[in-house]
C-alpha cells in the first residue's frame, strides 16, 4: 500500500489545525487504497497551536509534528518539514484552508499517471485585487529576467514524489527558494489550476518585510539582472558624463567671457549619481547577503521537539 504524507506548516493557527486535520482524514477515508500521515511543522506558535496538535496526536497516531525552537521563516520551515516526511509522495498545503483539501484525489490521480510533481496554480483568487495585481507584475518581471522558468502564481501547494524529495535532501541549501527549485530540477511536472480561498480563521502572518525578504530570495537566487543593470547603467552614465564634460570644455573655450553655468548642474549631477550608487549598493548587498547565508551553511531549522515519529 502506497503511503502519502501531507505536510502542513503552521504559525499561530490554533483555530485551523484541528478542522484541517479532520478534513484531510475525511478525504483519505474515500481513498482506502492509500496509507497516510499528517505532518505539522510549527514555527514557534504562541497561541495554543502546539497544544491542539498534541491532543490530535493522542487521538490519531497518524498525526505527527515537528516543533521548531524558534521562528525560522516561511521558506526554511516548510522545506525542512518536507525533508522529514516518509511517504511515497508528499502533499504540501497551507494550514488556513486557502488550499482546497478537496483537491487531494486529483493530485493523487495525476501522480498515478506518472507525474513526479503536481503543482497547483492560482488562476483565480479571493485575495485583495490590488495585492494580486502586484503579485502578477512581480511574477512576470522575475520570469523575464530569470534563467530558470518561474511558475506564476504558484505558492508551493502541490504533490511531490519521493524521488524529488530525495533530491532535495542532497541539495544542502541553507536558504532554499523552493518555488524556483521545483522548475529548475526538471522533474516531470503537470500544473493544475484552482481558485485560492479566503482564510478560514485568523490573520495572515505576512507583512511588507516578510514579503520583501521572500521576493529578494527569489531575485538573488535566480536572476543576474541587478548586477548587470549596475554595470550597464554605470557605463552609460560614465559615457554621458564624458560627453557633457567635452561639451562643457568646448563651450567654455568658445564663450569664455559670457559663460557662467553656476553650481546647480554640478549639485544636481552629484545627487543623481549618489542616488544611483546607493540603489545599486543596496542591490549588491542583497546578493552578498544571500551568498553569506549560503557560505555560513547554518541548519535550516533547529528542532525543539517532535512527536509521533517514533512509531
C-alpha atoms as a PDB file:
ATOM      1  CA  UNK A   1       0.000   0.000   0.000  1.00  0.00           C
ATOM      2  CA  UNK A   2       1.381   3.390  -1.001  1.00  0.00           C
ATOM      3  CA  UNK A   3       1.837   5.981   1.727  1.00  0.00           C
ATOM      4  CA  UNK A   4       1.007   9.673   1.291  1.00  0.00           C
ATOM      5  CA  UNK A   5       2.459  12.359   3.539  1.00  0.00           C
ATOM      6  CA  UNK A   6       0.581  15.631   3.997  1.00  0.00           C
ATOM      7  CA  UNK A   7       2.849  18.448   5.182  1.00  0.00           C
ATOM      8  CA  UNK A   8       1.283  21.479   6.878  1.00  0.00           C
ATOM      9  CA  UNK A   9       3.452  24.384   8.088  1.00  0.00           C
ATOM     10  CA  UNK A  10       1.881  26.316  10.965  1.00  0.00           C
ATOM     11  CA  UNK A  11       2.378  29.547  12.826  1.00  0.00           C
ATOM     12  CA  UNK A  12      -0.392  30.661  15.211  1.00  0.00           C
ATOM     13  CA  UNK A  13      -3.127  28.585  13.533  1.00  0.00           C
ATOM     14  CA  UNK A  14      -4.912  27.247  16.619  1.00  0.00           C
ATOM     15  CA  UNK A  15      -8.376  27.704  15.063  1.00  0.00           C
ATOM     16  CA  UNK A  16      -7.444  25.919  11.842  1.00  0.00           C
ATOM     17  CA  UNK A  17      -5.280  22.892  12.613  1.00  0.00           C
ATOM     18  CA  UNK A  18      -7.949  20.573  14.012  1.00  0.00           C
ATOM     19  CA  UNK A  19     -10.641  21.289  11.349  1.00  0.00           C
ATOM     20  CA  UNK A  20      -7.986  20.902   8.643  1.00  0.00           C
ATOM     21  CA  UNK A  21      -6.747  17.571  10.009  1.00  0.00           C
ATOM     22  CA  UNK A  22     -10.358  16.333  10.222  1.00  0.00           C
ATOM     23  CA  UNK A  23     -10.996  17.383   6.619  1.00  0.00           C
ATOM     24  CA  UNK A  24      -7.877  15.562   5.422  1.00  0.00           C
ATOM     25  CA  UNK A  25      -8.862  12.394   7.287  1.00  0.00           C
ATOM     26  CA  UNK A  26     -12.301  12.554   5.636  1.00  0.00           C
ATOM     27  CA  UNK A  27     -10.707  12.843   2.190  1.00  0.00           C
ATOM     28  CA  UNK A  28      -8.481   9.818   2.788  1.00  0.00           C
ATOM     29  CA  UNK A  29     -11.427   7.809   4.075  1.00  0.00           C
ATOM     30  CA  UNK A  30     -12.614   7.975   0.449  1.00  0.00           C
ATOM     31  CA  UNK A  31      -9.218   6.657  -0.694  1.00  0.00           C
ATOM     32  CA  UNK A  32      -8.758   3.366   1.178  1.00  0.00           C
ATOM     33  CA  UNK A  33      -6.004   2.281  -1.219  1.00  0.00           C
ATOM     34  CA  UNK A  34      -3.612   4.732   0.456  1.00  0.00           C
ATOM     35  CA  UNK A  35      -1.998   4.881   3.858  1.00  0.00           C
ATOM     36  CA  UNK A  36      -1.253   8.420   5.035  1.00  0.00           C
ATOM     37  CA  UNK A  37       0.376  10.627   7.637  1.00  0.00           C
ATOM     38  CA  UNK A  38      -0.234  14.267   8.501  1.00  0.00           C
ATOM     39  CA  UNK A  39       2.936  16.133   9.460  1.00  0.00           C
ATOM     40  CA  UNK A  40       2.682  19.560  11.063  1.00  0.00           C
ATOM     41  CA  UNK A  41       5.833  21.671  11.300  1.00  0.00           C
ATOM     42  CA  UNK A  42       5.249  24.515  13.716  1.00  0.00           C
ATOM     43  CA  UNK A  43       7.305  27.709  13.538  1.00  0.00           C
ATOM     44  CA  UNK A  44       7.188  28.610  17.257  1.00  0.00           C
ATOM     45  CA  UNK A  45       3.463  29.359  17.594  1.00  0.00           C
ATOM     46  CA  UNK A  46       2.397  31.250  20.716  1.00  0.00           C
ATOM     47  CA  UNK A  47      -1.384  30.793  20.573  1.00  0.00           C
ATOM     48  CA  UNK A  48      -2.009  27.183  21.607  1.00  0.00           C
ATOM     49  CA  UNK A  49      -1.411  25.603  18.202  1.00  0.00           C
ATOM     50  CA  UNK A  50       1.078  23.135  19.671  1.00  0.00           C
ATOM     51  CA  UNK A  51      -1.312  22.008  22.403  1.00  0.00           C
ATOM     52  CA  UNK A  52      -4.010  21.404  19.796  1.00  0.00           C
ATOM     53  CA  UNK A  53      -1.601  19.294  17.706  1.00  0.00           C
ATOM     54  CA  UNK A  54      -0.540  17.277  20.760  1.00  0.00           C
ATOM     55  CA  UNK A  55      -4.164  16.447  21.528  1.00  0.00           C
ATOM     56  CA  UNK A  56      -4.749  15.344  17.947  1.00  0.00           C
ATOM     57  CA  UNK A  57      -1.660  13.127  18.080  1.00  0.00           C
ATOM     58  CA  UNK A  58      -3.035  11.342  21.157  1.00  0.00           C
ATOM     59  CA  UNK A  59      -6.286  10.601  19.318  1.00  0.00           C
ATOM     60  CA  UNK A  60      -4.743   9.701  15.964  1.00  0.00           C
ATOM     61  CA  UNK A  61      -1.147   8.468  15.748  1.00  0.00           C
ATOM     62  CA  UNK A  62      -1.059   9.261  12.041  1.00  0.00           C
ATOM     63  CA  UNK A  63      -0.835  12.920  13.030  1.00  0.00           C
ATOM     64  CA  UNK A  64       2.773  13.900  13.693  1.00  0.00           C
ATOM     65  CA  UNK A  65       4.547  17.160  14.410  1.00  0.00           C
ATOM     66  CA  UNK A  66       7.892  18.922  14.486  1.00  0.00           C
ATOM     67  CA  UNK A  67       8.153  21.930  16.808  1.00  0.00           C
ATOM     68  CA  UNK A  68      10.875  24.418  15.869  1.00  0.00           C
ATOM     69  CA  UNK A  69      12.959  26.055  18.592  1.00  0.00           C
ATOM     70  CA  UNK A  70      12.146  29.486  17.099  1.00  0.00           C
ATOM     71  CA  UNK A  71      10.588  31.017  14.018  1.00  0.00           C
ATOM     72  CA  UNK A  72      12.925  30.148  11.134  1.00  0.00           C
ATOM     73  CA  UNK A  73      10.908  31.894   8.435  1.00  0.00           C
ATOM     74  CA  UNK A  74       8.365  30.904   5.840  1.00  0.00           C
ATOM     75  CA  UNK A  75      10.939  29.392   3.468  1.00  0.00           C
ATOM     76  CA  UNK A  76      13.135  27.211   5.669  1.00  0.00           C
ATOM     77  CA  UNK A  77      10.474  25.657   7.873  1.00  0.00           C
ATOM     78  CA  UNK A  78       8.238  24.122   5.144  1.00  0.00           C
ATOM     79  CA  UNK A  79      11.302  22.981   3.199  1.00  0.00           C
ATOM     80  CA  UNK A  80      12.754  21.248   6.254  1.00  0.00           C
ATOM     81  CA  UNK A  81       9.398  19.660   7.063  1.00  0.00           C
ATOM     82  CA  UNK A  82       9.212  18.226   3.561  1.00  0.00           C
ATOM     83  CA  UNK A  83      12.560  16.503   4.104  1.00  0.00           C
ATOM     84  CA  UNK A  84      11.176  14.758   7.202  1.00  0.00           C
ATOM     85  CA  UNK A  85       8.195  13.129   5.501  1.00  0.00           C
ATOM     86  CA  UNK A  86       8.237   9.371   4.958  1.00  0.00           C
ATOM     87  CA  UNK A  87       5.585   8.828   2.295  1.00  0.00           C
ATOM     88  CA  UNK A  88       5.916   7.688  -1.308  1.00  0.00           C
ATOM     89  CA  UNK A  89       4.779  11.217  -2.127  1.00  0.00           C
ATOM     90  CA  UNK A  90       4.255  14.402  -0.143  1.00  0.00           C
ATOM     91  CA  UNK A  91       1.376  16.868  -0.449  1.00  0.00           C
ATOM     92  CA  UNK A  92       2.209  20.350   0.854  1.00  0.00           C
ATOM     93  CA  UNK A  93      -0.587  22.738   1.769  1.00  0.00           C
ATOM     94  CA  UNK A  94      -1.269  25.771   3.937  1.00  0.00           C
ATOM     95  CA  UNK A  95      -2.926  25.493   7.348  1.00  0.00           C
ATOM     96  CA  UNK A  96      -5.544  28.182   6.716  1.00  0.00           C
ATOM     97  CA  UNK A  97      -7.819  26.373   4.194  1.00  0.00           C
ATOM     98  CA  UNK A  98      -6.732  28.610   1.316  1.00  0.00           C
ATOM     99  CA  UNK A  99      -5.526  25.431  -0.405  1.00  0.00           C
ATOM    100  CA  UNK A 100      -8.604  23.238  -1.075  1.00  0.00           C
ATOM    101  CA  UNK A 101      -8.423  19.871   0.689  1.00  0.00           C
ATOM    102  CA  UNK A 102     -10.861  18.532  -1.916  1.00  0.00           C
ATOM    103  CA  UNK A 103      -8.073  18.569  -4.495  1.00  0.00           C
ATOM    104  CA  UNK A 104      -6.172  15.706  -2.831  1.00  0.00           C
ATOM    105  CA  UNK A 105      -7.797  12.982  -5.013  1.00  0.00           C
ATOM    106  CA  UNK A 106      -6.983  14.960  -8.177  1.00  0.00           C
ATOM    107  CA  UNK A 107      -3.366  15.388  -7.101  1.00  0.00           C
ATOM    108  CA  UNK A 108      -3.020  11.662  -6.458  1.00  0.00           C
ATOM    109  CA  UNK A 109      -4.656  10.851  -9.789  1.00  0.00           C
ATOM    110  CA  UNK A 110      -2.037  12.908 -11.652  1.00  0.00           C
ATOM    111  CA  UNK A 111       0.711  11.290  -9.585  1.00  0.00           C
ATOM    112  CA  UNK A 112      -0.528   7.824 -10.558  1.00  0.00           C
ATOM    113  CA  UNK A 113      -0.345   8.921 -14.194  1.00  0.00           C
ATOM    114  CA  UNK A 114       3.418   9.263 -13.762  1.00  0.00           C
ATOM    115  CA  UNK A 115       3.960  12.923 -12.896  1.00  0.00           C
ATOM    116  CA  UNK A 116       6.623  13.457 -10.238  1.00  0.00           C
ATOM    117  CA  UNK A 117       5.422  16.973  -9.395  1.00  0.00           C
ATOM    118  CA  UNK A 118       1.827  18.217  -9.443  1.00  0.00           C
ATOM    119  CA  UNK A 119       1.873  21.976  -8.911  1.00  0.00           C
ATOM    120  CA  UNK A 120      -1.320  23.892  -8.158  1.00  0.00           C
ATOM    121  CA  UNK A 121      -1.588  27.305  -9.827  1.00  0.00           C
ATOM    122  CA  UNK A 122      -3.794  30.125  -8.523  1.00  0.00           C
ATOM    123  CA  UNK A 123      -5.700  31.024 -11.679  1.00  0.00           C
ATOM    124  CA  UNK A 124      -8.211  32.983  -9.594  1.00  0.00           C
ATOM    125  CA  UNK A 125      -8.131  34.114  -6.009  1.00  0.00           C
ATOM    126  CA  UNK A 126     -10.400  35.684  -3.422  1.00  0.00           C
ATOM    127  CA  UNK A 127      -7.494  37.732  -2.086  1.00  0.00           C
ATOM    128  CA  UNK A 128      -7.278  41.516  -2.383  1.00  0.00           C
ATOM    129  CA  UNK A 129      -7.307  42.518  -6.081  1.00  0.00           C
ATOM    130  CA  UNK A 130      -4.549  45.099  -5.613  1.00  0.00           C
ATOM    131  CA  UNK A 131      -2.254  42.557  -3.945  1.00  0.00           C
ATOM    132  CA  UNK A 132      -2.927  40.062  -6.725  1.00  0.00           C
ATOM    133  CA  UNK A 133      -2.090  42.722  -9.345  1.00  0.00           C
ATOM    134  CA  UNK A 134       1.286  43.430  -7.742  1.00  0.00           C
ATOM    135  CA  UNK A 135       1.966  39.693  -7.405  1.00  0.00           C
ATOM    136  CA  UNK A 136       1.256  39.254 -11.120  1.00  0.00           C
ATOM    137  CA  UNK A 137       3.624  42.108 -12.019  1.00  0.00           C
ATOM    138  CA  UNK A 138       6.334  40.610  -9.818  1.00  0.00           C
ATOM    139  CA  UNK A 139       5.965  37.118 -11.324  1.00  0.00           C
ATOM    140  CA  UNK A 140       6.177  38.482 -14.868  1.00  0.00           C
ATOM    141  CA  UNK A 141       9.246  40.564 -14.030  1.00  0.00           C
ATOM    142  CA  UNK A 142      11.116  37.736 -12.298  1.00  0.00           C
ATOM    143  CA  UNK A 143      10.203  35.325 -15.109  1.00  0.00           C
ATOM    144  CA  UNK A 144      11.506  37.730 -17.735  1.00  0.00           C
ATOM    145  CA  UNK A 145      14.899  38.144 -16.093  1.00  0.00           C
ATOM    146  CA  UNK A 146      15.427  34.640 -14.694  1.00  0.00           C
ATOM    147  CA  UNK A 147      17.440  31.953 -16.467  1.00  0.00           C
ATOM    148  CA  UNK A 148      15.100  29.366 -14.934  1.00  0.00           C
ATOM    149  CA  UNK A 149      11.350  29.235 -15.538  1.00  0.00           C
ATOM    150  CA  UNK A 150       9.466  30.755 -12.620  1.00  0.00           C
ATOM    151  CA  UNK A 151       5.947  29.377 -12.163  1.00  0.00           C
ATOM    152  CA  UNK A 152       3.452  32.236 -11.952  1.00  0.00           C
ATOM    153  CA  UNK A 153       1.003  32.282  -9.023  1.00  0.00           C
ATOM    154  CA  UNK A 154       2.470  29.127  -7.547  1.00  0.00           C
ATOM    155  CA  UNK A 155       2.633  29.039  -3.755  1.00  0.00           C
ATOM    156  CA  UNK A 156       4.120  25.583  -3.210  1.00  0.00           C
ATOM    157  CA  UNK A 157       0.745  23.861  -2.849  1.00  0.00           C
ATOM    158  CA  UNK A 158       1.006  20.559  -4.670  1.00  0.00           C
ATOM    159  CA  UNK A 159       2.259  16.972  -4.681  1.00  0.00           C
ATOM    160  CA  UNK A 160       5.900  15.862  -4.801  1.00  0.00           C
ATOM    161  CA  UNK A 161       7.152  12.363  -5.482  1.00  0.00           C
ATOM    162  CA  UNK A 162       9.612  10.705  -3.110  1.00  0.00           C
ATOM    163  CA  UNK A 163      12.311  10.803  -5.808  1.00  0.00           C
ATOM    164  CA  UNK A 164      12.062  14.610  -5.842  1.00  0.00           C
ATOM    165  CA  UNK A 165      12.160  14.763  -2.021  1.00  0.00           C
ATOM    166  CA  UNK A 166      15.321  12.610  -2.061  1.00  0.00           C
ATOM    167  CA  UNK A 167      16.995  15.109  -4.395  1.00  0.00           C
ATOM    168  CA  UNK A 168      16.027  17.962  -2.046  1.00  0.00           C
ATOM    169  CA  UNK A 169      17.715  16.131   0.825  1.00  0.00           C
ATOM    170  CA  UNK A 170      21.010  16.228  -1.074  1.00  0.00           C
ATOM    171  CA  UNK A 171      20.914  19.882  -2.152  1.00  0.00           C
ATOM    172  CA  UNK A 172      22.262  21.162   1.165  1.00  0.00           C
ATOM    173  CA  UNK A 173      20.972  24.697   0.552  1.00  0.00           C
ATOM    174  CA  UNK A 174      20.590  26.698   3.818  1.00  0.00           C
ATOM    175  CA  UNK A 175      18.419  29.341   2.106  1.00  0.00           C
ATOM    176  CA  UNK A 176      16.299  27.404  -0.403  1.00  0.00           C
ATOM    177  CA  UNK A 177      13.828  29.097  -2.731  1.00  0.00           C
ATOM    178  CA  UNK A 178      11.539  26.115  -3.167  1.00  0.00           C
ATOM    179  CA  UNK A 179       9.361  27.517  -5.946  1.00  0.00           C
ATOM    180  CA  UNK A 180      12.416  28.040  -8.121  1.00  0.00           C
ATOM    181  CA  UNK A 181      13.865  24.628  -7.286  1.00  0.00           C
ATOM    182  CA  UNK A 182      10.669  22.911  -8.485  1.00  0.00           C
ATOM    183  CA  UNK A 183      11.078  24.251 -12.010  1.00  0.00           C
ATOM    184  CA  UNK A 184      14.884  24.164 -12.002  1.00  0.00           C
ATOM    185  CA  UNK A 185      15.427  20.450 -11.382  1.00  0.00           C
ATOM    186  CA  UNK A 186      13.426  19.288 -14.379  1.00  0.00           C
ATOM    187  CA  UNK A 187      11.205  16.567 -12.910  1.00  0.00           C
ATOM    188  CA  UNK A 188       8.135  15.603 -14.937  1.00  0.00           C
ATOM    189  CA  UNK A 189       5.531  18.151 -13.864  1.00  0.00           C
ATOM    190  CA  UNK A 190       1.905  18.996 -14.509  1.00  0.00           C
ATOM    191  CA  UNK A 191       0.109  22.183 -13.448  1.00  0.00           C
ATOM    192  CA  UNK A 192      -3.443  22.198 -12.097  1.00  0.00           C
ATOM    193  CA  UNK A 193      -5.442  25.452 -11.876  1.00  0.00           C
ATOM    194  CA  UNK A 194      -7.507  26.240  -8.790  1.00  0.00           C
ATOM    195  CA  UNK A 195      -9.213  29.124  -7.024  1.00  0.00           C
ATOM    196  CA  UNK A 196      -7.498  30.182  -3.832  1.00  0.00           C
ATOM    197  CA  UNK A 197      -9.962  30.557  -0.979  1.00  0.00           C
ATOM    198  CA  UNK A 198     -10.079  33.075   1.846  1.00  0.00           C
ATOM    199  CA  UNK A 199      -8.590  32.143   5.200  1.00  0.00           C
ATOM    200  CA  UNK A 200     -10.990  30.135   7.336  1.00  0.00           C
ATOM    201  CA  UNK A 201      -9.821  31.798  10.558  1.00  0.00           C
ATOM    202  CA  UNK A 202      -7.033  34.012  11.844  1.00  0.00           C
ATOM    203  CA  UNK A 203      -4.966  36.637  10.058  1.00  0.00           C
ATOM    204  CA  UNK A 204      -2.183  36.365   7.518  1.00  0.00           C
ATOM    205  CA  UNK A 205       1.286  36.450   9.103  1.00  0.00           C
ATOM    206  CA  UNK A 206       2.822  38.077   6.032  1.00  0.00           C
ATOM    207  CA  UNK A 207       3.804  41.732   6.157  1.00  0.00           C
ATOM    208  CA  UNK A 208       5.811  44.047   3.922  1.00  0.00           C
ATOM    209  CA  UNK A 209       9.166  42.916   5.314  1.00  0.00           C
ATOM    210  CA  UNK A 210       8.463  39.175   5.088  1.00  0.00           C
ATOM    211  CA  UNK A 211       7.194  39.574   1.526  1.00  0.00           C
ATOM    212  CA  UNK A 212      10.237  41.690   0.656  1.00  0.00           C
ATOM    213  CA  UNK A 213      12.576  39.015   2.070  1.00  0.00           C
ATOM    214  CA  UNK A 214      10.797  36.373   0.011  1.00  0.00           C
ATOM    215  CA  UNK A 215      10.980  38.492  -3.147  1.00  0.00           C
ATOM    216  CA  UNK A 216      14.697  39.191  -2.648  1.00  0.00           C
ATOM    217  CA  UNK A 217      15.382  35.478  -2.079  1.00  0.00           C
ATOM    218  CA  UNK A 218      13.947  34.625  -5.483  1.00  0.00           C
ATOM    219  CA  UNK A 219      15.540  37.678  -7.126  1.00  0.00           C
ATOM    220  CA  UNK A 220      19.073  36.965  -5.875  1.00  0.00           C
ATOM    221  CA  UNK A 221      18.784  33.195  -6.363  1.00  0.00           C
ATOM    222  CA  UNK A 222      17.605  33.171  -9.962  1.00  0.00           C
ATOM    223  CA  UNK A 223      18.464  36.467 -11.661  1.00  0.00           C
ATOM    224  CA  UNK A 224      21.593  38.399 -12.621  1.00  0.00           C
ATOM    225  CA  UNK A 225      19.716  41.465 -13.795  1.00  0.00           C
ATOM    226  CA  UNK A 226      20.556  43.563 -10.727  1.00  0.00           C
ATOM    227  CA  UNK A 227      24.297  43.258 -11.220  1.00  0.00           C
ATOM    228  CA  UNK A 228      24.005  43.624 -14.991  1.00  0.00           C
ATOM    229  CA  UNK A 229      21.944  46.803 -14.600  1.00  0.00           C
ATOM    230  CA  UNK A 230      24.594  48.249 -12.306  1.00  0.00           C
ATOM    231  CA  UNK A 231      27.273  47.530 -14.911  1.00  0.00           C
ATOM    232  CA  UNK A 232      25.392  48.852 -17.927  1.00  0.00           C
ATOM    233  CA  UNK A 233      23.965  51.907 -16.185  1.00  0.00           C
ATOM    234  CA  UNK A 234      27.415  52.722 -14.805  1.00  0.00           C
ATOM    235  CA  UNK A 235      28.890  52.566 -18.298  1.00  0.00           C
ATOM    236  CA  UNK A 236      26.092  54.704 -19.710  1.00  0.00           C
ATOM    237  CA  UNK A 237      26.439  57.369 -17.021  1.00  0.00           C
ATOM    238  CA  UNK A 238      30.228  57.415 -17.382  1.00  0.00           C
ATOM    239  CA  UNK A 239      29.905  57.869 -21.149  1.00  0.00           C
ATOM    240  CA  UNK A 240      27.235  60.574 -20.739  1.00  0.00           C
ATOM    241  CA  UNK A 241      29.395  62.423 -18.200  1.00  0.00           C
ATOM    242  CA  UNK A 242      32.356  62.291 -20.612  1.00  0.00           C
ATOM    243  CA  UNK A 243      30.245  63.753 -23.438  1.00  0.00           C
ATOM    244  CA  UNK A 244      28.917  66.511 -21.169  1.00  0.00           C
ATOM    245  CA  UNK A 245      32.460  67.289 -19.967  1.00  0.00           C
ATOM    246  CA  UNK A 246      33.729  67.632 -23.550  1.00  0.00           C
ATOM    247  CA  UNK A 247      30.769  69.834 -24.476  1.00  0.00           C
ATOM    248  CA  UNK A 248      31.309  71.945 -21.355  1.00  0.00           C
ATOM    249  CA  UNK A 249      35.010  72.403 -22.160  1.00  0.00           C
ATOM    250  CA  UNK A 250      34.390  73.364 -25.811  1.00  0.00           C
ATOM    251  CA  UNK A 251      31.575  75.722 -24.924  1.00  0.00           C
ATOM    252  CA  UNK A 252      33.680  77.391 -22.236  1.00  0.00           C
ATOM    253  CA  UNK A 253      36.603  77.905 -24.603  1.00  0.00           C
ATOM    254  CA  UNK A 254      34.332  79.400 -27.252  1.00  0.00           C
ATOM    255  CA  UNK A 255      32.376  81.684 -24.926  1.00  0.00           C
ATOM    256  CA  UNK A 256      34.882  82.330 -22.148  1.00  0.00           C
ATOM    257  CA  UNK A 257      33.646  85.811 -21.276  1.00  0.00           C
ATOM    258  CA  UNK A 258      29.906  85.120 -21.230  1.00  0.00           C
ATOM    259  CA  UNK A 259      29.841  81.525 -19.927  1.00  0.00           C
ATOM    260  CA  UNK A 260      28.546  81.074 -16.382  1.00  0.00           C
ATOM    261  CA  UNK A 261      26.775  77.766 -15.705  1.00  0.00           C
ATOM    262  CA  UNK A 262      26.773  78.148 -11.930  1.00  0.00           C
ATOM    263  CA  UNK A 263      26.902  75.340  -9.382  1.00  0.00           C
ATOM    264  CA  UNK A 264      23.376  73.975  -9.931  1.00  0.00           C
ATOM    265  CA  UNK A 265      24.251  71.405 -12.659  1.00  0.00           C
ATOM    266  CA  UNK A 266      27.109  70.058 -10.574  1.00  0.00           C
ATOM    267  CA  UNK A 267      24.978  69.719  -7.437  1.00  0.00           C
ATOM    268  CA  UNK A 268      22.158  68.001  -9.331  1.00  0.00           C
ATOM    269  CA  UNK A 269      24.621  65.633 -11.001  1.00  0.00           C
ATOM    270  CA  UNK A 270      26.267  64.730  -7.683  1.00  0.00           C
ATOM    271  CA  UNK A 271      22.944  63.966  -6.014  1.00  0.00           C
ATOM    272  CA  UNK A 272      21.750  61.941  -9.012  1.00  0.00           C
ATOM    273  CA  UNK A 273      24.902  59.839  -9.157  1.00  0.00           C
ATOM    274  CA  UNK A 274      24.849  59.425  -5.393  1.00  0.00           C
ATOM    275  CA  UNK A 275      21.284  58.123  -5.530  1.00  0.00           C
ATOM    276  CA  UNK A 276      22.120  55.664  -8.297  1.00  0.00           C
ATOM    277  CA  UNK A 277      25.145  54.421  -6.368  1.00  0.00           C
ATOM    278  CA  UNK A 278      23.118  53.877  -3.183  1.00  0.00           C
ATOM    279  CA  UNK A 279      20.438  51.928  -5.054  1.00  0.00           C
ATOM    280  CA  UNK A 280      22.951  49.575  -6.608  1.00  0.00           C
ATOM    281  CA  UNK A 281      24.999  49.276  -3.423  1.00  0.00           C
ATOM    282  CA  UNK A 282      21.830  48.097  -1.696  1.00  0.00           C
ATOM    283  CA  UNK A 283      21.051  45.689  -4.533  1.00  0.00           C
ATOM    284  CA  UNK A 284      24.565  44.241  -4.498  1.00  0.00           C
ATOM    285  CA  UNK A 285      24.258  44.000  -0.725  1.00  0.00           C
ATOM    286  CA  UNK A 286      21.237  41.728  -1.189  1.00  0.00           C
ATOM    287  CA  UNK A 287      23.306  39.413  -3.397  1.00  0.00           C
ATOM    288  CA  UNK A 288      26.163  39.445  -0.890  1.00  0.00           C
ATOM    289  CA  UNK A 289      23.758  38.730   1.982  1.00  0.00           C
ATOM    290  CA  UNK A 290      22.347  35.768   0.056  1.00  0.00           C
ATOM    291  CA  UNK A 291      25.856  34.431  -0.602  1.00  0.00           C
ATOM    292  CA  UNK A 292      26.844  34.984   3.022  1.00  0.00           C
ATOM    293  CA  UNK A 293      23.958  32.870   4.299  1.00  0.00           C
ATOM    294  CA  UNK A 294      24.914  30.064   1.960  1.00  0.00           C
ATOM    295  CA  UNK A 295      28.598  30.262   2.898  1.00  0.00           C
ATOM    296  CA  UNK A 296      27.793  30.058   6.620  1.00  0.00           C
ATOM    297  CA  UNK A 297      25.703  26.950   5.847  1.00  0.00           C
ATOM    298  CA  UNK A 298      23.612  27.173   9.002  1.00  0.00           C
ATOM    299  CA  UNK A 299      20.956  24.460   9.559  1.00  0.00           C
ATOM    300  CA  UNK A 300      17.542  25.043   8.018  1.00  0.00           C
ATOM    301  CA  UNK A 301      15.864  24.855  11.432  1.00  0.00           C
ATOM    302  CA  UNK A 302      16.616  23.691  14.952  1.00  0.00           C
ATOM    303  CA  UNK A 303      14.079  21.266  16.357  1.00  0.00           C
ATOM    304  CA  UNK A 304      12.776  21.682  19.870  1.00  0.00           C
ATOM    305  CA  UNK A 305      10.570  18.595  19.858  1.00  0.00           C
ATOM    306  CA  UNK A 306       8.984  16.080  17.543  1.00  0.00           C
ATOM    307  CA  UNK A 307       6.021  13.850  18.247  1.00  0.00           C
ATOM    308  CA  UNK A 308       4.678  10.773  16.511  1.00  0.00           C
ATOM    309  CA  UNK A 309       7.825   9.890  14.567  1.00  0.00           C
ATOM    310  CA  UNK A 310       8.988   7.179  16.978  1.00  0.00           C
ATOM    311  CA  UNK A 311       6.354   4.874  15.531  1.00  0.00           C
END
